[in-house]
N, C-alpha and C. Protein backbone atom coordinates (compact mmCIF):
# COMPACT_ATOMS: atom_id res chain seq x y z
N UNK A 1 51.12 -34.92 61.38
CA UNK A 1 51.60 -33.56 61.63
C UNK A 1 52.07 -32.94 60.31
N UNK A 2 51.62 -31.72 59.99
CA UNK A 2 51.98 -31.10 58.70
C UNK A 2 53.48 -31.01 58.45
N UNK A 3 54.29 -30.71 59.47
CA UNK A 3 55.73 -30.55 59.25
C UNK A 3 56.40 -31.84 58.79
N UNK A 4 55.87 -32.99 59.23
CA UNK A 4 56.49 -34.27 58.88
C UNK A 4 56.35 -34.59 57.40
N UNK A 5 55.39 -33.96 56.74
CA UNK A 5 55.15 -34.26 55.34
C UNK A 5 55.72 -33.20 54.40
N UNK A 6 56.58 -32.35 54.94
CA UNK A 6 57.20 -31.31 54.12
C UNK A 6 58.55 -31.80 53.58
N UNK A 7 59.06 -31.08 52.59
CA UNK A 7 60.33 -31.40 51.96
C UNK A 7 61.45 -31.43 53.00
N UNK A 8 62.43 -32.31 52.80
CA UNK A 8 63.51 -32.50 53.77
C UNK A 8 64.28 -31.20 54.05
N UNK A 9 64.48 -30.37 53.01
CA UNK A 9 65.18 -29.10 53.20
C UNK A 9 64.41 -28.16 54.12
N UNK A 10 63.08 -28.19 54.01
CA UNK A 10 62.25 -27.34 54.87
C UNK A 10 62.32 -27.82 56.31
N UNK A 11 62.24 -29.12 56.50
CA UNK A 11 62.30 -29.67 57.86
C UNK A 11 63.64 -29.36 58.53
N UNK A 12 64.70 -29.33 57.72
CA UNK A 12 66.02 -29.00 58.26
C UNK A 12 66.06 -27.56 58.77
N UNK A 13 65.45 -26.63 58.02
CA UNK A 13 65.40 -25.24 58.45
C UNK A 13 64.56 -25.07 59.71
N UNK A 14 63.45 -25.77 59.76
CA UNK A 14 62.59 -25.71 60.94
C UNK A 14 63.34 -26.22 62.17
N UNK A 15 64.15 -27.25 61.99
CA UNK A 15 64.93 -27.80 63.10
C UNK A 15 65.96 -26.77 63.58
N UNK A 16 66.56 -26.03 62.64
CA UNK A 16 67.51 -24.98 63.01
C UNK A 16 66.84 -23.90 63.86
N UNK A 17 65.59 -23.62 63.54
CA UNK A 17 64.83 -22.61 64.28
C UNK A 17 64.18 -23.19 65.54
N UNK A 18 64.36 -24.49 65.75
CA UNK A 18 63.76 -25.20 66.87
C UNK A 18 62.24 -25.12 66.85
N UNK A 19 61.69 -25.15 65.62
CA UNK A 19 60.24 -25.19 65.45
C UNK A 19 59.86 -26.65 65.22
N UNK A 20 59.21 -27.25 66.17
CA UNK A 20 58.88 -28.68 66.07
C UNK A 20 57.39 -28.94 65.98
N UNK A 21 56.59 -28.01 66.50
CA UNK A 21 55.14 -28.22 66.54
C UNK A 21 54.42 -27.12 65.77
N UNK A 22 53.58 -27.46 64.82
CA UNK A 22 52.84 -26.43 64.08
C UNK A 22 51.82 -25.74 64.96
N UNK A 23 51.52 -24.49 64.64
CA UNK A 23 50.45 -23.77 65.33
C UNK A 23 49.12 -24.37 64.88
N UNK A 24 48.03 -24.11 65.61
CA UNK A 24 46.72 -24.59 65.17
C UNK A 24 46.40 -24.14 63.74
N UNK A 25 46.77 -22.92 63.42
CA UNK A 25 46.53 -22.42 62.05
C UNK A 25 47.31 -23.24 61.04
N UNK A 26 48.57 -23.51 61.32
CA UNK A 26 49.40 -24.28 60.39
C UNK A 26 48.90 -25.71 60.23
N UNK A 27 48.42 -26.30 61.31
CA UNK A 27 47.88 -27.66 61.24
C UNK A 27 46.70 -27.75 60.29
N UNK A 28 45.88 -26.70 60.27
CA UNK A 28 44.70 -26.70 59.41
C UNK A 28 45.00 -26.25 57.99
N UNK A 29 45.87 -25.23 57.86
CA UNK A 29 46.07 -24.60 56.55
C UNK A 29 47.04 -25.33 55.64
N UNK A 30 48.13 -25.86 56.18
CA UNK A 30 49.16 -26.46 55.33
C UNK A 30 48.61 -27.62 54.48
N UNK A 31 47.85 -28.57 55.04
CA UNK A 31 47.32 -29.64 54.19
C UNK A 31 46.40 -29.13 53.08
N UNK A 32 45.60 -28.11 53.37
CA UNK A 32 44.69 -27.56 52.36
C UNK A 32 45.48 -26.89 51.24
N UNK A 33 46.50 -26.10 51.61
CA UNK A 33 47.31 -25.44 50.59
C UNK A 33 48.09 -26.46 49.77
N UNK A 34 48.63 -27.48 50.43
CA UNK A 34 49.36 -28.53 49.71
C UNK A 34 48.47 -29.27 48.73
N UNK A 35 47.17 -29.31 48.99
CA UNK A 35 46.24 -30.02 48.11
C UNK A 35 46.07 -29.32 46.77
N UNK A 36 46.46 -28.03 46.72
CA UNK A 36 46.34 -27.28 45.48
C UNK A 36 45.11 -26.41 45.37
N UNK A 37 44.28 -26.39 46.42
CA UNK A 37 43.05 -25.61 46.38
C UNK A 37 43.32 -24.12 46.60
N UNK A 38 42.49 -23.28 46.00
CA UNK A 38 42.49 -21.87 46.37
C UNK A 38 42.05 -21.78 47.82
N UNK A 39 42.63 -20.86 48.58
CA UNK A 39 42.32 -20.83 50.01
C UNK A 39 42.35 -19.42 50.59
N UNK A 40 41.34 -19.14 51.40
CA UNK A 40 41.35 -17.97 52.28
C UNK A 40 41.86 -18.45 53.63
N UNK A 41 42.97 -17.88 54.10
CA UNK A 41 43.54 -18.28 55.38
C UNK A 41 43.40 -17.13 56.36
N UNK A 42 42.42 -17.25 57.24
CA UNK A 42 42.06 -16.16 58.15
C UNK A 42 42.46 -16.52 59.57
N UNK A 43 43.32 -15.70 60.16
CA UNK A 43 43.79 -15.98 61.52
C UNK A 43 44.37 -14.70 62.13
N UNK A 44 44.40 -14.61 63.47
CA UNK A 44 44.95 -13.42 64.12
C UNK A 44 46.45 -13.28 63.88
N UNK A 45 46.97 -12.13 64.23
CA UNK A 45 48.41 -11.89 64.16
C UNK A 45 49.14 -12.91 65.03
N UNK A 46 50.35 -13.28 64.62
CA UNK A 46 51.19 -14.25 65.36
C UNK A 46 50.61 -15.67 65.36
N UNK A 47 49.81 -15.98 64.35
CA UNK A 47 49.28 -17.35 64.23
C UNK A 47 50.17 -18.24 63.37
N UNK A 48 51.16 -17.63 62.72
CA UNK A 48 52.04 -18.40 61.84
C UNK A 48 51.70 -18.28 60.38
N UNK A 49 51.00 -17.20 59.99
CA UNK A 49 50.56 -17.07 58.60
C UNK A 49 51.74 -16.88 57.63
N UNK A 50 52.64 -15.95 57.96
CA UNK A 50 53.75 -15.68 57.05
C UNK A 50 54.68 -16.88 56.93
N UNK A 51 54.93 -17.55 58.05
CA UNK A 51 55.75 -18.76 58.00
C UNK A 51 55.09 -19.82 57.13
N UNK A 52 53.77 -19.95 57.25
CA UNK A 52 53.02 -20.90 56.42
C UNK A 52 53.17 -20.55 54.94
N UNK A 53 53.09 -19.26 54.64
CA UNK A 53 53.25 -18.81 53.25
C UNK A 53 54.61 -19.25 52.71
N UNK A 54 55.65 -19.04 53.48
CA UNK A 54 57.01 -19.40 53.04
C UNK A 54 57.14 -20.92 52.88
N UNK A 55 56.70 -21.66 53.88
CA UNK A 55 56.85 -23.12 53.85
C UNK A 55 56.10 -23.73 52.67
N UNK A 56 54.87 -23.29 52.43
CA UNK A 56 54.07 -23.88 51.36
C UNK A 56 54.58 -23.47 49.99
N UNK A 57 55.19 -22.28 49.90
CA UNK A 57 55.79 -21.86 48.63
C UNK A 57 56.98 -22.75 48.30
N UNK A 58 57.85 -22.97 49.27
CA UNK A 58 59.01 -23.84 49.05
C UNK A 58 58.57 -25.26 48.73
N UNK A 59 57.53 -25.72 49.42
CA UNK A 59 57.02 -27.07 49.17
C UNK A 59 56.49 -27.19 47.75
N UNK A 60 55.75 -26.20 47.30
CA UNK A 60 55.17 -26.21 45.95
C UNK A 60 56.26 -26.27 44.89
N UNK A 61 57.38 -25.59 45.15
CA UNK A 61 58.47 -25.53 44.17
C UNK A 61 59.51 -26.63 44.40
N UNK A 62 59.25 -27.48 45.37
CA UNK A 62 60.12 -28.63 45.68
C UNK A 62 61.56 -28.21 45.98
N UNK A 63 61.70 -26.99 46.48
CA UNK A 63 63.00 -26.47 46.94
C UNK A 63 64.08 -26.48 45.87
N UNK A 64 63.70 -26.37 44.60
CA UNK A 64 64.73 -26.34 43.57
C UNK A 64 64.33 -25.43 42.41
N UNK A 65 65.35 -24.83 41.82
CA UNK A 65 65.15 -23.92 40.70
C UNK A 65 64.83 -24.70 39.43
N UNK A 66 63.91 -24.14 38.64
CA UNK A 66 63.59 -24.71 37.33
C UNK A 66 63.34 -23.55 36.36
N UNK A 67 63.95 -23.61 35.20
CA UNK A 67 63.69 -22.61 34.16
C UNK A 67 64.11 -21.20 34.54
N UNK A 68 63.45 -20.22 33.93
CA UNK A 68 63.79 -18.83 34.17
C UNK A 68 62.61 -18.01 34.71
N UNK A 69 61.39 -18.39 34.37
CA UNK A 69 60.22 -17.60 34.76
C UNK A 69 59.76 -17.92 36.18
N UNK A 70 59.19 -16.93 36.88
CA UNK A 70 58.70 -17.17 38.24
C UNK A 70 57.63 -18.26 38.28
N UNK A 71 57.73 -19.12 39.28
CA UNK A 71 56.71 -20.15 39.50
C UNK A 71 55.86 -19.84 40.71
N UNK A 72 56.29 -18.85 41.50
CA UNK A 72 55.50 -18.40 42.65
C UNK A 72 55.60 -16.89 42.76
N UNK A 73 54.46 -16.25 43.01
CA UNK A 73 54.40 -14.80 43.24
C UNK A 73 53.83 -14.56 44.62
N UNK A 74 54.45 -13.62 45.34
CA UNK A 74 53.93 -13.21 46.65
C UNK A 74 53.67 -11.71 46.60
N UNK A 75 52.44 -11.33 46.81
CA UNK A 75 52.06 -9.92 46.77
C UNK A 75 51.96 -9.37 48.19
N UNK A 76 52.57 -8.20 48.41
CA UNK A 76 52.53 -7.55 49.73
C UNK A 76 52.18 -6.07 49.55
N UNK A 77 51.95 -5.38 50.66
CA UNK A 77 51.43 -4.02 50.58
C UNK A 77 52.44 -3.00 50.10
N UNK A 78 53.69 -3.05 50.59
CA UNK A 78 54.63 -1.98 50.29
C UNK A 78 56.08 -2.49 50.30
N UNK A 79 57.00 -1.58 49.96
CA UNK A 79 58.42 -1.90 49.87
C UNK A 79 58.97 -2.45 51.18
N UNK A 80 58.62 -1.81 52.29
CA UNK A 80 59.15 -2.22 53.60
C UNK A 80 58.81 -3.68 53.90
N UNK A 81 57.55 -4.05 53.69
CA UNK A 81 57.12 -5.42 53.95
C UNK A 81 57.77 -6.37 52.94
N UNK A 82 57.88 -5.93 51.69
CA UNK A 82 58.49 -6.76 50.65
C UNK A 82 59.93 -7.12 51.00
N UNK A 83 60.70 -6.13 51.45
CA UNK A 83 62.11 -6.37 51.78
C UNK A 83 62.24 -7.27 53.01
N UNK A 84 61.36 -7.09 53.98
CA UNK A 84 61.38 -7.93 55.18
C UNK A 84 61.08 -9.38 54.82
N UNK A 85 60.07 -9.59 53.98
CA UNK A 85 59.71 -10.95 53.57
C UNK A 85 60.82 -11.57 52.72
N UNK A 86 61.46 -10.74 51.90
CA UNK A 86 62.58 -11.20 51.08
C UNK A 86 63.69 -11.78 51.96
N UNK A 87 64.02 -11.09 53.04
CA UNK A 87 65.05 -11.58 53.96
C UNK A 87 64.64 -12.91 54.59
N UNK A 88 63.36 -13.04 54.93
CA UNK A 88 62.88 -14.29 55.51
C UNK A 88 62.97 -15.44 54.51
N UNK A 89 62.61 -15.16 53.26
CA UNK A 89 62.73 -16.18 52.22
C UNK A 89 64.17 -16.59 52.00
N UNK A 90 65.09 -15.62 52.05
CA UNK A 90 66.50 -15.93 51.84
C UNK A 90 67.01 -16.92 52.89
N UNK A 91 66.55 -16.79 54.12
CA UNK A 91 66.97 -17.73 55.15
C UNK A 91 66.51 -19.14 54.82
N UNK A 92 65.26 -19.28 54.43
CA UNK A 92 64.71 -20.61 54.16
C UNK A 92 65.24 -21.22 52.86
N UNK A 93 65.64 -20.37 51.90
CA UNK A 93 66.11 -20.90 50.62
C UNK A 93 67.63 -21.07 50.58
N UNK A 94 68.30 -20.67 51.64
CA UNK A 94 69.76 -20.85 51.69
C UNK A 94 70.06 -22.36 51.59
N UNK A 95 71.09 -22.68 50.83
CA UNK A 95 71.49 -24.07 50.58
C UNK A 95 70.52 -24.81 49.65
N UNK A 96 69.60 -24.07 49.04
CA UNK A 96 68.80 -24.63 47.94
C UNK A 96 69.16 -23.85 46.68
N UNK A 97 68.67 -24.30 45.55
CA UNK A 97 68.94 -23.58 44.31
C UNK A 97 67.88 -22.53 43.99
N UNK A 98 66.86 -22.40 44.83
CA UNK A 98 65.77 -21.45 44.58
C UNK A 98 66.27 -20.01 44.52
N UNK A 99 65.73 -19.26 43.55
CA UNK A 99 66.10 -17.86 43.35
C UNK A 99 64.92 -16.97 43.72
N UNK A 100 65.16 -16.02 44.62
CA UNK A 100 64.11 -15.12 45.11
C UNK A 100 64.42 -13.70 44.64
N UNK A 101 63.39 -13.01 44.13
CA UNK A 101 63.57 -11.63 43.68
C UNK A 101 62.51 -10.75 44.31
N UNK A 102 62.89 -9.52 44.65
CA UNK A 102 61.93 -8.58 45.24
C UNK A 102 61.86 -7.32 44.39
N UNK A 103 60.63 -6.90 44.10
CA UNK A 103 60.40 -5.69 43.32
C UNK A 103 59.41 -4.77 44.02
N UNK A 104 59.50 -3.49 43.72
CA UNK A 104 58.61 -2.48 44.34
C UNK A 104 58.64 -1.24 43.48
N UNK A 105 57.69 -0.31 43.72
CA UNK A 105 57.51 0.86 42.85
C UNK A 105 58.77 1.70 42.72
N UNK A 106 59.54 1.83 43.80
CA UNK A 106 60.71 2.70 43.79
C UNK A 106 61.84 2.18 42.89
N UNK A 107 61.75 0.92 42.50
CA UNK A 107 62.77 0.31 41.63
C UNK A 107 62.25 0.36 40.19
N UNK A 108 63.02 0.97 39.29
CA UNK A 108 62.55 1.18 37.93
C UNK A 108 62.13 -0.14 37.28
N UNK A 109 61.02 -0.07 36.56
CA UNK A 109 60.44 -1.29 35.99
C UNK A 109 61.39 -1.96 34.99
N UNK A 110 62.17 -1.17 34.26
CA UNK A 110 63.10 -1.77 33.30
C UNK A 110 64.20 -2.56 34.01
N UNK A 111 64.62 -2.06 35.18
CA UNK A 111 65.60 -2.79 35.99
C UNK A 111 65.00 -4.11 36.45
N UNK A 112 63.76 -4.05 36.92
CA UNK A 112 63.09 -5.27 37.37
C UNK A 112 62.96 -6.28 36.23
N UNK A 113 62.54 -5.81 35.07
CA UNK A 113 62.37 -6.71 33.91
C UNK A 113 63.66 -7.46 33.59
N UNK A 114 64.76 -6.72 33.52
CA UNK A 114 66.02 -7.34 33.14
C UNK A 114 66.53 -8.30 34.21
N UNK A 115 66.34 -7.94 35.48
CA UNK A 115 66.82 -8.81 36.55
C UNK A 115 65.96 -10.06 36.70
N UNK A 116 64.65 -9.92 36.54
CA UNK A 116 63.76 -11.08 36.61
C UNK A 116 64.07 -12.05 35.47
N UNK A 117 64.37 -11.49 34.29
CA UNK A 117 64.65 -12.32 33.11
C UNK A 117 65.89 -13.18 33.27
N UNK A 118 66.75 -12.82 34.21
CA UNK A 118 67.96 -13.61 34.45
C UNK A 118 67.66 -14.93 35.14
N UNK A 119 66.47 -15.06 35.67
CA UNK A 119 66.05 -16.30 36.32
C UNK A 119 65.54 -16.07 37.72
N UNK A 120 64.25 -16.35 37.93
CA UNK A 120 63.61 -16.14 39.22
C UNK A 120 62.60 -17.25 39.46
N UNK A 121 62.60 -17.81 40.65
CA UNK A 121 61.60 -18.81 41.02
C UNK A 121 60.47 -18.20 41.84
N UNK A 122 60.84 -17.31 42.78
CA UNK A 122 59.87 -16.68 43.68
C UNK A 122 59.98 -15.17 43.51
N UNK A 123 58.88 -14.55 43.13
CA UNK A 123 58.85 -13.10 42.91
C UNK A 123 57.98 -12.45 43.97
N UNK A 124 58.58 -11.58 44.77
CA UNK A 124 57.87 -10.81 45.79
C UNK A 124 57.67 -9.40 45.25
N UNK A 125 56.44 -8.89 45.30
CA UNK A 125 56.19 -7.58 44.72
C UNK A 125 54.99 -6.90 45.38
N UNK A 126 54.78 -5.64 44.99
CA UNK A 126 53.62 -4.87 45.44
C UNK A 126 52.61 -4.80 44.29
N UNK A 127 51.34 -4.49 44.57
CA UNK A 127 50.34 -4.49 43.50
C UNK A 127 50.68 -3.58 42.32
N UNK A 128 51.06 -2.33 42.60
CA UNK A 128 51.36 -1.39 41.52
C UNK A 128 52.55 -1.85 40.69
N UNK A 129 53.60 -2.30 41.36
CA UNK A 129 54.79 -2.75 40.67
C UNK A 129 54.50 -3.98 39.81
N UNK A 130 53.77 -4.92 40.37
CA UNK A 130 53.43 -6.14 39.64
C UNK A 130 52.53 -5.84 38.45
N UNK A 131 51.57 -4.97 38.64
CA UNK A 131 50.66 -4.63 37.55
C UNK A 131 51.40 -3.96 36.40
N UNK A 132 52.36 -3.09 36.74
CA UNK A 132 53.16 -2.43 35.71
C UNK A 132 53.98 -3.45 34.93
N UNK A 133 54.55 -4.42 35.64
CA UNK A 133 55.31 -5.48 34.97
C UNK A 133 54.42 -6.26 34.01
N UNK A 134 53.20 -6.57 34.45
CA UNK A 134 52.28 -7.33 33.62
C UNK A 134 51.88 -6.53 32.38
N UNK A 135 51.58 -5.24 32.57
CA UNK A 135 51.14 -4.40 31.45
C UNK A 135 52.24 -4.22 30.41
N UNK A 136 53.50 -4.29 30.86
CA UNK A 136 54.64 -4.12 29.95
C UNK A 136 55.23 -5.45 29.50
N UNK A 137 54.51 -6.54 29.79
CA UNK A 137 55.02 -7.89 29.48
C UNK A 137 56.41 -8.09 30.05
N UNK A 138 56.60 -7.58 31.26
CA UNK A 138 57.91 -7.62 31.90
C UNK A 138 58.19 -8.89 32.67
N UNK A 139 57.20 -9.78 32.76
CA UNK A 139 57.40 -11.03 33.49
C UNK A 139 56.55 -12.12 32.83
N UNK A 140 57.15 -13.27 32.63
CA UNK A 140 56.42 -14.40 32.05
C UNK A 140 55.61 -15.09 33.15
N UNK A 141 54.36 -15.41 32.84
CA UNK A 141 53.51 -16.11 33.81
C UNK A 141 53.19 -17.53 33.34
N UNK A 142 53.90 -17.97 32.33
CA UNK A 142 53.62 -19.28 31.73
C UNK A 142 53.81 -20.42 32.72
N UNK A 143 54.75 -20.27 33.66
CA UNK A 143 55.06 -21.36 34.59
C UNK A 143 54.52 -21.12 36.00
N UNK A 144 53.68 -20.08 36.15
CA UNK A 144 53.21 -19.71 37.49
C UNK A 144 52.31 -20.79 38.10
N UNK A 145 52.65 -21.21 39.30
CA UNK A 145 51.91 -22.26 39.99
C UNK A 145 51.17 -21.76 41.23
N UNK A 146 51.77 -20.76 41.92
CA UNK A 146 51.22 -20.33 43.21
C UNK A 146 51.28 -18.82 43.33
N UNK A 147 50.14 -18.22 43.68
CA UNK A 147 50.05 -16.77 43.87
C UNK A 147 49.53 -16.54 45.29
N UNK A 148 50.39 -16.02 46.15
CA UNK A 148 50.02 -15.80 47.55
C UNK A 148 49.95 -14.31 47.84
N UNK A 149 49.07 -13.94 48.75
CA UNK A 149 48.93 -12.54 49.16
C UNK A 149 49.04 -12.49 50.67
N UNK A 150 50.06 -11.80 51.18
CA UNK A 150 50.31 -11.73 52.61
C UNK A 150 49.62 -10.52 53.23
N UNK A 151 48.99 -10.71 54.38
CA UNK A 151 48.28 -9.62 55.07
C UNK A 151 47.41 -8.85 54.09
N UNK A 152 46.45 -9.54 53.52
CA UNK A 152 45.72 -9.05 52.35
C UNK A 152 44.74 -7.91 52.62
N UNK A 153 44.65 -7.42 53.85
CA UNK A 153 43.74 -6.31 54.14
C UNK A 153 44.00 -5.11 53.24
N UNK A 154 45.24 -4.94 52.80
CA UNK A 154 45.56 -3.77 51.97
C UNK A 154 44.83 -3.80 50.63
N UNK A 155 44.32 -4.95 50.24
CA UNK A 155 43.60 -5.03 48.97
C UNK A 155 42.23 -4.37 49.03
N UNK A 156 41.81 -3.94 50.21
CA UNK A 156 40.56 -3.19 50.32
C UNK A 156 40.74 -1.74 49.85
N UNK A 157 41.99 -1.30 49.68
CA UNK A 157 42.24 0.02 49.11
C UNK A 157 41.92 -0.03 47.62
N UNK A 158 41.28 1.01 47.11
CA UNK A 158 40.77 0.98 45.73
C UNK A 158 41.86 0.71 44.71
N UNK A 159 43.02 1.37 44.84
CA UNK A 159 44.07 1.20 43.83
C UNK A 159 44.63 -0.23 43.85
N UNK A 160 44.82 -0.78 45.06
CA UNK A 160 45.34 -2.14 45.19
C UNK A 160 44.30 -3.15 44.70
N UNK A 161 43.04 -2.90 45.00
CA UNK A 161 41.95 -3.78 44.57
C UNK A 161 41.89 -3.85 43.05
N UNK A 162 41.97 -2.67 42.41
CA UNK A 162 41.94 -2.62 40.95
C UNK A 162 43.16 -3.31 40.35
N UNK A 163 44.31 -3.14 41.00
CA UNK A 163 45.55 -3.74 40.49
C UNK A 163 45.50 -5.26 40.53
N UNK A 164 44.99 -5.83 41.63
CA UNK A 164 44.96 -7.29 41.74
C UNK A 164 43.98 -7.89 40.74
N UNK A 165 42.87 -7.21 40.48
CA UNK A 165 41.94 -7.71 39.46
C UNK A 165 42.57 -7.66 38.08
N UNK A 166 43.32 -6.61 37.80
CA UNK A 166 44.00 -6.49 36.52
C UNK A 166 45.06 -7.58 36.35
N UNK A 167 45.83 -7.81 37.40
CA UNK A 167 46.89 -8.83 37.37
C UNK A 167 46.31 -10.21 37.13
N UNK A 168 45.31 -10.58 37.91
CA UNK A 168 44.78 -11.94 37.86
C UNK A 168 44.02 -12.24 36.57
N UNK A 169 43.53 -11.20 35.89
CA UNK A 169 42.85 -11.43 34.60
C UNK A 169 43.81 -11.99 33.56
N UNK A 170 45.10 -11.73 33.74
CA UNK A 170 46.10 -12.18 32.77
C UNK A 170 46.55 -13.62 33.01
N UNK A 171 46.20 -14.18 34.17
CA UNK A 171 46.71 -15.50 34.56
C UNK A 171 45.69 -16.57 34.21
N UNK A 172 46.12 -17.54 33.44
CA UNK A 172 45.22 -18.60 32.97
C UNK A 172 44.87 -19.60 34.08
N UNK A 173 45.90 -20.17 34.69
CA UNK A 173 45.67 -21.22 35.67
C UNK A 173 46.71 -21.11 36.78
N UNK A 174 46.24 -21.05 38.02
CA UNK A 174 47.16 -20.85 39.13
C UNK A 174 46.41 -21.09 40.45
N UNK A 175 47.14 -21.48 41.48
CA UNK A 175 46.55 -21.60 42.81
C UNK A 175 46.73 -20.27 43.54
N UNK A 176 45.65 -19.80 44.17
CA UNK A 176 45.69 -18.54 44.93
C UNK A 176 45.48 -18.82 46.41
N UNK A 177 46.33 -18.21 47.24
CA UNK A 177 46.17 -18.32 48.69
C UNK A 177 46.24 -16.92 49.28
N UNK A 178 45.20 -16.54 49.97
CA UNK A 178 45.08 -15.20 50.53
C UNK A 178 45.09 -15.28 52.05
N UNK A 179 46.04 -14.57 52.67
CA UNK A 179 46.19 -14.56 54.13
C UNK A 179 45.68 -13.23 54.68
N UNK A 180 44.89 -13.30 55.74
CA UNK A 180 44.34 -12.08 56.32
C UNK A 180 43.94 -12.33 57.77
N UNK A 181 43.84 -11.23 58.53
CA UNK A 181 43.38 -11.37 59.92
C UNK A 181 41.86 -11.46 59.97
N UNK A 182 41.18 -10.85 58.99
CA UNK A 182 39.71 -10.87 58.96
C UNK A 182 39.24 -11.07 57.53
N UNK A 183 38.04 -11.62 57.40
CA UNK A 183 37.43 -11.80 56.09
C UNK A 183 36.63 -10.54 55.75
N UNK A 184 37.28 -9.57 55.17
CA UNK A 184 36.63 -8.33 54.78
C UNK A 184 35.70 -8.61 53.59
N UNK A 185 34.52 -7.95 53.53
CA UNK A 185 33.60 -8.18 52.41
C UNK A 185 34.24 -8.00 51.04
N UNK A 186 35.17 -7.04 50.92
CA UNK A 186 35.82 -6.81 49.62
C UNK A 186 36.72 -7.99 49.24
N UNK A 187 37.31 -8.63 50.25
CA UNK A 187 38.13 -9.80 49.97
C UNK A 187 37.26 -10.98 49.53
N UNK A 188 36.10 -11.09 50.14
CA UNK A 188 35.17 -12.17 49.79
C UNK A 188 34.71 -12.05 48.33
N UNK A 189 34.66 -10.82 47.83
CA UNK A 189 34.23 -10.61 46.44
C UNK A 189 35.14 -11.31 45.43
N UNK A 190 36.37 -11.58 45.83
CA UNK A 190 37.31 -12.23 44.92
C UNK A 190 36.85 -13.62 44.51
N UNK A 191 35.89 -14.17 45.26
CA UNK A 191 35.34 -15.48 44.89
C UNK A 191 34.70 -15.43 43.50
N UNK A 192 34.25 -14.25 43.11
CA UNK A 192 33.64 -14.08 41.79
C UNK A 192 34.68 -13.87 40.69
N UNK A 193 35.94 -13.78 41.08
CA UNK A 193 37.00 -13.53 40.10
C UNK A 193 38.01 -14.68 40.13
N UNK A 194 39.08 -14.54 40.92
CA UNK A 194 40.15 -15.54 40.88
C UNK A 194 40.12 -16.53 42.03
N UNK A 195 39.24 -16.32 43.03
CA UNK A 195 39.19 -17.22 44.19
C UNK A 195 38.03 -18.21 44.10
N UNK A 196 37.69 -18.63 42.91
CA UNK A 196 36.57 -19.57 42.72
C UNK A 196 36.86 -20.90 43.40
N UNK A 197 35.81 -21.50 43.95
CA UNK A 197 35.89 -22.82 44.61
C UNK A 197 36.92 -22.84 45.74
N UNK A 198 37.10 -21.70 46.38
CA UNK A 198 38.12 -21.61 47.43
C UNK A 198 37.66 -22.27 48.72
N UNK A 199 38.64 -22.79 49.46
CA UNK A 199 38.37 -23.31 50.79
C UNK A 199 38.77 -22.25 51.82
N UNK A 200 38.23 -22.37 53.02
CA UNK A 200 38.48 -21.36 54.04
C UNK A 200 39.05 -22.01 55.31
N UNK A 201 40.11 -21.42 55.80
CA UNK A 201 40.67 -21.80 57.10
C UNK A 201 40.48 -20.60 58.00
N UNK A 202 39.71 -20.75 59.05
CA UNK A 202 39.44 -19.64 59.95
C UNK A 202 39.79 -20.02 61.37
N UNK A 203 40.76 -19.30 61.93
CA UNK A 203 41.18 -19.51 63.32
C UNK A 203 40.89 -18.25 64.10
N UNK A 204 40.21 -18.38 65.21
CA UNK A 204 39.89 -17.21 66.06
C UNK A 204 40.53 -17.40 67.43
N UNK A 205 40.72 -16.30 68.12
CA UNK A 205 41.29 -16.37 69.47
C UNK A 205 40.27 -16.94 70.46
């Protein structure tokens, strides 16, 4: 069972939530993500995608802070979703040393740069905000291990699509995990860019 092989801190949080059995999606996706492979994770709403994203991020970072630069990035569509995901991460990272930061377009980039520089393990952001940070050398990617995209359908929008290609061109080596309800043709194109040799988890109703 995937949950039994997760970090002790993660299992403790799952017990608090009375989550004992993984969903079919989690049973298939968590071992693949833990293996370090790039992955397209395709499943309907309420399949456990966002929870999987959080659990595998914490697992990758071993539930502890290291250094100052982000080791995991989570890209989302907008400020509202970013703040909601931030609150969810805070629950799971409570009583760990992990530091979570959330950025979005409405927050001035210079503010984001200075706050991220104080030490961040998990950076949640939107495409435009993240791209601006990258273009201004506002965030170090030297220690980046995991780049996840939640509800990735928004990347079919031209501006978001261009932003993610710009961002990923700057990253030398990293694991990418893309979560979506459907495999849109534009998302599949990423195989020619940063999703090379990716594995696919597809769960249908």
